[in-house]
Each structure stands twice: as structure tokens, then as C-alpha cells.
Amino acid sequence: MVVKKAIAKKAPATKKAAARGRTKAGDNYVCGVCGLAITVDEDCGCEEACDIICCSEPMKRRRARK
């Protein structure tokens, strides 16, 4: 008779959200779908990082122009 040994499986690694800081005044974001660009006027009061959504996708932070 063949005996199978139980092997403990590791839980699949969950992807964590990118470690981003809070949205601050002066931050620039751009939509990867339509190209809309925005600049944040007021600091965000949230505890966690906020996603700014456009075209059903989170907008990407863009470096400030000098």
C-alpha cells in the first residue's frame, strides 16, 4: 500500500498596495488611458493612500515640472 505524506502548502503571497504617501497639495497625476492631467490643490486628510480614478483606472503620480 502506498502512503502519501501531507505537505504543508504556503499561503499564496498577497500583493500589497504600493507604498505611497498621502495625496498632498502640489502633487501631479496623469491618466494612462485618456491623458488627463491634474494637480492637487489641497492636502488629503485620509489615513491611507488615496487613489484618484479616471477612466475606471487609478491615475499615476507624475513628477512635478521644474
Protein backbone atom coordinates (compact mmCIF):
# COMPACT_ATOMS: atom_id res chain seq x y z
CA MET A 1 0.00 0.00 0.00
CA VAL A 2 1.26 3.50 -0.92
CA VAL A 3 1.17 6.14 1.79
CA LYS A 4 1.03 9.79 0.74
CA LYS A 5 2.59 12.34 3.03
CA ALA A 6 0.76 15.59 3.59
CA ILE A 7 2.87 18.57 2.64
CA ALA A 8 2.06 21.90 4.23
CA LYS A 9 1.36 24.40 1.50
CA LYS A 10 2.33 28.01 1.87
CA ALA A 11 -0.44 30.53 1.54
CA PRO A 12 -0.16 32.44 -1.72
CA ALA A 13 1.60 35.76 -1.29
CA THR A 14 -0.88 38.57 -1.39
CA LYS A 15 0.08 41.67 -3.29
CA LYS A 16 0.17 44.72 -1.12
CA ALA A 17 -0.76 48.11 -2.45
CA ALA A 18 2.20 50.18 -3.46
CA ALA A 19 3.52 52.11 -0.51
CA ARG A 20 2.51 55.59 -1.45
CA GLY A 21 2.25 58.58 0.76
CA ARG A 22 -0.84 60.64 1.23
CA THR A 23 -2.03 62.91 -1.52
CA LYS A 24 -0.54 66.35 -0.89
CA ALA A 25 -1.08 69.79 -2.38
CA GLY A 26 1.03 70.22 -5.49
CA ASP A 27 1.06 66.52 -6.45
CA ASN A 28 0.54 65.89 -10.17
CA TYR A 29 -1.36 62.90 -11.59
CA VAL A 30 -1.97 61.73 -15.15
CA CYS A 31 -4.46 59.23 -16.58
CA GLY A 32 -2.80 56.43 -18.54
CA VAL A 33 -5.92 55.96 -20.70
CA CYS A 34 -7.06 59.43 -21.80
CA GLY A 35 -4.06 61.56 -20.78
CA LEU A 36 -5.99 63.88 -18.43
CA ALA A 37 -3.53 65.59 -16.05
CA ILE A 38 -4.46 67.12 -12.69
CA THR A 39 -2.72 68.99 -9.87
CA VAL A 40 -3.93 68.56 -6.28
CA ASP A 41 -4.94 71.87 -4.65
CA GLU A 42 -5.50 70.73 -1.04
CA ASP A 43 -3.91 68.11 1.22
CA CYS A 44 -5.83 64.90 1.71
CA GLY A 45 -6.92 64.22 5.28
CA CYS A 46 -7.16 60.44 4.83
CA GLU A 47 -5.16 57.98 6.93
CA GLU A 48 -4.35 55.74 3.95
CA ALA A 49 -3.16 56.48 0.44
CA CYS A 50 -5.97 57.62 -1.85
CA ASP A 51 -6.47 56.59 -5.45
CA ILE A 52 -7.62 59.20 -7.92
CA ILE A 53 -9.71 57.37 -10.51
CA CYS A 54 -10.17 58.32 -14.17
CA CYS A 55 -11.44 56.05 -16.97
CA SER A 56 -12.04 53.35 -14.31
CA GLU A 57 -8.28 53.15 -13.60
CA PRO A 58 -6.15 54.72 -10.83
CA MET A 59 -4.22 57.74 -12.08
CA LYS A 60 -0.41 57.62 -11.89
CA ARG A 61 1.65 60.16 -9.98
CA ARG A 62 3.79 62.29 -12.27
CA ARG A 63 6.91 64.21 -11.35
CA ALA A 64 6.43 67.94 -10.95
CA ARG A 65 7.76 70.08 -13.75
CA LYS A 66 10.54 72.47 -12.87
